[in-house]
Amino acid sequence: MTNKKNNHSLLLTLLLASPLLLAEDVVVPIHSQGAYLADIKRPQRQQSSQHVIEQFGEPQVKHAATGEPPISRWDYQDFGVYFENDHVIHTVLKHRRQDQTNN
């Protein structure tokens, strides 16, 4: 009976581990992720919100400020801009598949 339990345990272990044995590793070097987006102009740190509007136009969406100090986000087609009070603190490129870019 013990041998039968061991066989069942072994079978169960193999069944549970089989997806791990079939998994495929895809390695993408960090420096190549989004390299095709590197030439997109975006606001620089410490620019005022007025300067951002003058340079890039009105954003598609303005998210209301939250927290203290107030942090807000503006969304443009290719990037998001984070403001503390009235000045840029960070920009984030929006990922797009390479076949969806204009390049």
N, C-alpha and C. Protein backbone atom coordinates (compact mmCIF):
# COMPACT_ATOMS: atom_id res chain seq x y z
N MET A 1 0.82 -1.20 0.00
CA MET A 1 0.00 0.00 0.00
C MET A 1 0.86 1.26 0.00
N THR A 2 1.97 1.24 0.73
CA THR A 2 2.87 2.39 0.79
C THR A 2 3.47 2.67 -0.57
N ASN A 3 3.79 1.61 -1.31
CA ASN A 3 4.34 1.77 -2.65
C ASN A 3 3.34 2.46 -3.57
N LYS A 4 2.07 2.12 -3.41
CA LYS A 4 1.01 2.73 -4.23
C LYS A 4 0.88 4.22 -3.91
N LYS A 5 0.97 4.57 -2.61
CA LYS A 5 0.91 5.98 -2.20
C LYS A 5 2.10 6.76 -2.77
N ASN A 6 3.27 6.13 -2.73
CA ASN A 6 4.46 6.78 -3.28
C ASN A 6 4.31 7.01 -4.78
N ASN A 7 3.74 6.03 -5.48
CA ASN A 7 3.52 6.18 -6.93
C ASN A 7 2.55 7.31 -7.22
N HIS A 8 1.49 7.40 -6.42
CA HIS A 8 0.51 8.49 -6.61
C HIS A 8 1.15 9.84 -6.32
N SER A 9 1.96 9.90 -5.27
CA SER A 9 2.64 11.16 -4.93
C SER A 9 3.60 11.57 -6.03
N LEU A 10 4.34 10.60 -6.56
CA LEU A 10 5.27 10.88 -7.64
C LEU A 10 4.53 11.36 -8.89
N LEU A 11 3.44 10.69 -9.22
CA LEU A 11 2.65 11.07 -10.38
C LEU A 11 2.08 12.48 -10.22
N LEU A 12 1.56 12.78 -9.04
CA LEU A 12 1.00 14.10 -8.77
C LEU A 12 2.09 15.18 -8.88
N THR A 13 3.25 14.91 -8.34
CA THR A 13 4.37 15.85 -8.41
C THR A 13 4.77 16.11 -9.86
N LEU A 14 4.86 15.06 -10.65
CA LEU A 14 5.23 15.21 -12.06
C LEU A 14 4.18 16.00 -12.83
N LEU A 15 2.91 15.74 -12.55
CA LEU A 15 1.85 16.47 -13.23
C LEU A 15 1.87 17.96 -12.88
N LEU A 16 2.11 18.26 -11.61
CA LEU A 16 2.15 19.66 -11.19
C LEU A 16 3.39 20.38 -11.72
N ALA A 17 4.47 19.67 -11.90
CA ALA A 17 5.72 20.28 -12.35
C ALA A 17 5.82 20.37 -13.87
N SER A 18 4.98 19.65 -14.59
CA SER A 18 5.11 19.60 -16.05
C SER A 18 5.00 20.96 -16.73
N PRO A 19 4.12 21.88 -16.31
CA PRO A 19 4.10 23.19 -16.97
C PRO A 19 5.43 23.94 -16.82
N LEU A 20 6.10 23.74 -15.70
CA LEU A 20 7.39 24.40 -15.50
C LEU A 20 8.44 23.85 -16.45
N LEU A 21 8.34 22.58 -16.77
CA LEU A 21 9.30 21.98 -17.67
C LEU A 21 9.10 22.45 -19.11
N LEU A 22 7.88 22.86 -19.44
CA LEU A 22 7.57 23.28 -20.80
C LEU A 22 7.66 24.80 -20.99
N ALA A 23 7.90 25.54 -19.92
CA ALA A 23 7.95 26.99 -20.01
C ALA A 23 9.13 27.44 -20.87
N GLU A 24 8.91 28.52 -21.60
CA GLU A 24 9.94 29.06 -22.47
C GLU A 24 10.45 30.38 -21.89
N ASP A 25 11.75 30.53 -21.82
CA ASP A 25 12.35 31.78 -21.36
C ASP A 25 12.56 32.70 -22.55
N VAL A 26 12.04 33.91 -22.44
CA VAL A 26 12.27 34.92 -23.47
C VAL A 26 13.11 36.01 -22.83
N VAL A 27 14.29 36.22 -23.36
CA VAL A 27 15.21 37.20 -22.80
C VAL A 27 15.24 38.42 -23.71
N VAL A 28 14.91 39.58 -23.13
CA VAL A 28 14.97 40.84 -23.86
C VAL A 28 15.95 41.73 -23.12
N PRO A 29 17.06 42.07 -23.74
CA PRO A 29 18.03 42.94 -23.07
C PRO A 29 17.39 44.27 -22.69
N ILE A 30 17.68 44.74 -21.49
CA ILE A 30 17.06 45.96 -20.98
C ILE A 30 17.31 47.15 -21.90
N HIS A 31 18.51 47.27 -22.43
CA HIS A 31 18.82 48.43 -23.27
C HIS A 31 18.04 48.44 -24.58
N SER A 32 17.44 47.32 -24.97
CA SER A 32 16.70 47.28 -26.23
C SER A 32 15.20 47.48 -26.03
N GLN A 33 14.74 47.49 -24.80
CA GLN A 33 13.32 47.67 -24.54
C GLN A 33 12.93 49.12 -24.80
N GLY A 34 12.09 49.34 -25.77
CA GLY A 34 11.61 50.68 -26.05
C GLY A 34 12.61 51.59 -26.73
N ALA A 35 13.69 51.04 -27.26
CA ALA A 35 14.69 51.89 -27.92
C ALA A 35 14.07 52.68 -29.07
N TYR A 36 13.06 52.12 -29.70
CA TYR A 36 12.40 52.79 -30.82
C TYR A 36 11.60 54.01 -30.36
N LEU A 37 11.40 54.17 -29.04
CA LEU A 37 10.68 55.32 -28.52
C LEU A 37 11.61 56.43 -28.03
N ALA A 38 12.91 56.19 -28.08
CA ALA A 38 13.88 57.11 -27.48
C ALA A 38 13.87 58.49 -28.12
N ASP A 39 13.49 58.60 -29.38
CA ASP A 39 13.54 59.89 -30.06
C ASP A 39 12.28 60.74 -29.85
N ILE A 40 11.34 60.26 -29.06
CA ILE A 40 10.12 61.03 -28.80
C ILE A 40 10.45 62.17 -27.84
N LYS A 41 10.18 63.40 -28.26
CA LYS A 41 10.40 64.56 -27.40
C LYS A 41 9.36 64.55 -26.29
N ARG A 42 9.81 64.92 -25.10
CA ARG A 42 8.89 65.01 -23.97
C ARG A 42 9.40 66.09 -23.01
N PRO A 43 8.55 66.57 -22.12
CA PRO A 43 8.95 67.65 -21.21
C PRO A 43 10.13 67.25 -20.32
N GLN A 44 10.89 68.26 -19.92
CA GLN A 44 12.03 68.06 -19.04
C GLN A 44 11.65 68.44 -17.60
N ARG A 45 12.41 67.90 -16.66
CA ARG A 45 12.17 68.22 -15.25
C ARG A 45 12.21 69.72 -15.02
N GLN A 46 11.39 70.16 -14.10
CA GLN A 46 11.30 71.55 -13.64
C GLN A 46 10.62 72.50 -14.63
N GLN A 47 10.18 72.01 -15.79
CA GLN A 47 9.41 72.88 -16.68
C GLN A 47 8.06 73.18 -16.03
N SER A 48 7.57 74.37 -16.25
CA SER A 48 6.25 74.73 -15.72
C SER A 48 5.16 74.10 -16.58
N SER A 49 3.99 73.97 -16.00
CA SER A 49 2.87 73.41 -16.76
C SER A 49 2.54 74.30 -17.96
N GLN A 50 2.68 75.61 -17.81
CA GLN A 50 2.43 76.53 -18.93
C GLN A 50 3.41 76.28 -20.06
N HIS A 51 4.67 76.05 -19.73
CA HIS A 51 5.68 75.78 -20.75
C HIS A 51 5.38 74.46 -21.46
N VAL A 52 4.90 73.47 -20.71
CA VAL A 52 4.54 72.18 -21.31
C VAL A 52 3.41 72.37 -22.31
N ILE A 53 2.41 73.16 -21.95
CA ILE A 53 1.29 73.43 -22.87
C ILE A 53 1.78 74.16 -24.11
N GLU A 54 2.66 75.14 -23.92
CA GLU A 54 3.20 75.88 -25.07
C GLU A 54 3.99 74.97 -26.01
N GLN A 55 4.72 74.02 -25.44
CA GLN A 55 5.58 73.16 -26.24
C GLN A 55 4.84 71.97 -26.84
N PHE A 56 3.88 71.39 -26.10
CA PHE A 56 3.25 70.14 -26.53
C PHE A 56 1.74 70.26 -26.74
N GLY A 57 1.16 71.40 -26.44
CA GLY A 57 -0.28 71.57 -26.59
C GLY A 57 -1.03 71.03 -25.38
N GLU A 58 -2.34 71.11 -25.46
CA GLU A 58 -3.18 70.62 -24.37
C GLU A 58 -3.09 69.09 -24.29
N PRO A 59 -3.07 68.53 -23.09
CA PRO A 59 -3.02 67.07 -22.96
C PRO A 59 -4.36 66.45 -23.33
N GLN A 60 -4.34 65.17 -23.64
CA GLN A 60 -5.58 64.45 -23.93
C GLN A 60 -6.43 64.34 -22.66
N VAL A 61 -5.76 64.11 -21.52
CA VAL A 61 -6.45 63.97 -20.24
C VAL A 61 -5.63 64.67 -19.17
N LYS A 62 -6.31 65.42 -18.30
CA LYS A 62 -5.67 66.00 -17.11
C LYS A 62 -6.27 65.31 -15.89
N HIS A 63 -5.43 64.61 -15.14
CA HIS A 63 -5.88 63.96 -13.91
C HIS A 63 -5.71 64.94 -12.76
N ALA A 64 -6.70 65.01 -11.91
CA ALA A 64 -6.68 65.95 -10.79
C ALA A 64 -5.53 65.65 -9.83
N ALA A 65 -5.04 66.70 -9.20
CA ALA A 65 -3.95 66.55 -8.23
C ALA A 65 -4.46 65.85 -6.97
N THR A 66 -3.59 65.01 -6.40
CA THR A 66 -3.90 64.34 -5.14
C THR A 66 -2.69 64.40 -4.23
N GLY A 67 -2.93 64.28 -2.94
CA GLY A 67 -1.85 64.20 -1.97
C GLY A 67 -1.27 65.53 -1.58
N GLU A 68 -0.25 65.46 -0.75
CA GLU A 68 0.44 66.65 -0.28
C GLU A 68 1.93 66.39 -0.31
N PRO A 69 2.72 67.01 -1.11
CA PRO A 69 2.35 68.06 -2.05
C PRO A 69 1.48 67.49 -3.17
N PRO A 70 0.70 68.34 -3.81
CA PRO A 70 -0.20 67.86 -4.85
C PRO A 70 0.56 67.34 -6.07
N ILE A 71 0.25 66.09 -6.45
CA ILE A 71 0.84 65.45 -7.63
C ILE A 71 -0.27 65.24 -8.64
N SER A 72 -0.07 65.71 -9.86
CA SER A 72 -1.06 65.52 -10.92
C SER A 72 -0.38 64.88 -12.12
N ARG A 73 -1.21 64.35 -13.03
CA ARG A 73 -0.67 63.72 -14.24
C ARG A 73 -1.45 64.21 -15.44
N TRP A 74 -0.72 64.49 -16.50
CA TRP A 74 -1.32 64.81 -17.78
C TRP A 74 -0.94 63.71 -18.75
N ASP A 75 -1.90 63.27 -19.54
CA ASP A 75 -1.64 62.22 -20.53
C ASP A 75 -1.64 62.79 -21.93
N TYR A 76 -0.54 62.54 -22.63
CA TYR A 76 -0.42 62.84 -24.05
C TYR A 76 -0.40 61.51 -24.81
N GLN A 77 -0.41 61.56 -26.12
CA GLN A 77 -0.47 60.33 -26.93
C GLN A 77 0.68 59.38 -26.62
N ASP A 78 1.90 59.90 -26.54
CA ASP A 78 3.07 59.04 -26.40
C ASP A 78 3.67 58.99 -25.00
N PHE A 79 3.22 59.85 -24.10
CA PHE A 79 3.83 59.90 -22.77
C PHE A 79 2.87 60.50 -21.75
N GLY A 80 3.18 60.29 -20.49
CA GLY A 80 2.48 60.93 -19.38
C GLY A 80 3.45 61.86 -18.68
N VAL A 81 2.94 62.95 -18.13
CA VAL A 81 3.77 63.93 -17.43
C VAL A 81 3.25 64.05 -16.00
N TYR A 82 4.16 63.92 -15.03
CA TYR A 82 3.81 64.07 -13.62
C TYR A 82 4.30 65.42 -13.13
N PHE A 83 3.40 66.12 -12.44
CA PHE A 83 3.70 67.44 -11.90
C PHE A 83 3.62 67.42 -10.38
N GLU A 84 4.52 68.14 -9.75
CA GLU A 84 4.38 68.47 -8.33
C GLU A 84 4.10 69.96 -8.31
N ASN A 85 2.95 70.31 -7.75
CA ASN A 85 2.45 71.68 -7.86
C ASN A 85 2.36 72.03 -9.34
N ASP A 86 3.21 72.90 -9.82
CA ASP A 86 3.11 73.39 -11.20
C ASP A 86 4.33 73.03 -12.05
N HIS A 87 5.18 72.11 -11.55
CA HIS A 87 6.42 71.81 -12.27
C HIS A 87 6.59 70.31 -12.53
N VAL A 88 7.16 69.99 -13.69
CA VAL A 88 7.38 68.60 -14.09
C VAL A 88 8.36 67.93 -13.13
N ILE A 89 7.98 66.74 -12.66
CA ILE A 89 8.91 65.95 -11.86
C ILE A 89 9.31 64.66 -12.57
N HIS A 90 8.50 64.22 -13.56
CA HIS A 90 8.82 62.96 -14.23
C HIS A 90 7.96 62.82 -15.49
N THR A 91 8.50 62.15 -16.50
CA THR A 91 7.70 61.77 -17.67
C THR A 91 7.86 60.28 -17.89
N VAL A 92 6.82 59.66 -18.42
CA VAL A 92 6.82 58.22 -18.66
C VAL A 92 6.34 57.96 -20.08
N LEU A 93 7.17 57.27 -20.86
CA LEU A 93 6.76 56.90 -22.21
C LEU A 93 5.70 55.82 -22.15
N LYS A 94 4.73 55.89 -23.05
CA LYS A 94 3.72 54.84 -23.15
C LYS A 94 4.22 53.78 -24.11
N HIS A 95 4.16 52.55 -23.69
CA HIS A 95 4.63 51.45 -24.54
C HIS A 95 3.67 51.26 -25.71
N ARG A 96 4.24 51.08 -26.86
CA ARG A 96 3.48 50.68 -28.06
C ARG A 96 4.28 49.62 -28.76
N ARG A 97 3.59 48.68 -29.36
CA ARG A 97 4.29 47.67 -30.16
C ARG A 97 5.02 48.38 -31.29
N GLN A 98 6.16 47.81 -31.69
CA GLN A 98 6.95 48.45 -32.74
C GLN A 98 6.18 48.57 -34.04
N ASP A 99 5.30 47.63 -34.34
CA ASP A 99 4.55 47.71 -35.60
C ASP A 99 3.44 48.76 -35.54
N GLN A 100 3.26 49.43 -34.39
CA GLN A 100 2.27 50.49 -34.26
C GLN A 100 2.90 51.87 -34.26
N THR A 101 4.21 51.95 -34.42
CA THR A 101 4.88 53.25 -34.42
C THR A 101 4.94 53.80 -35.84
N ASN A 102 5.24 55.08 -35.94
CA ASN A 102 5.35 55.72 -37.24
C ASN A 102 6.72 55.53 -37.86
N ASN A 103 7.66 54.93 -37.11
CA ASN A 103 9.02 54.74 -37.61
C ASN A 103 9.09 53.65 -38.63
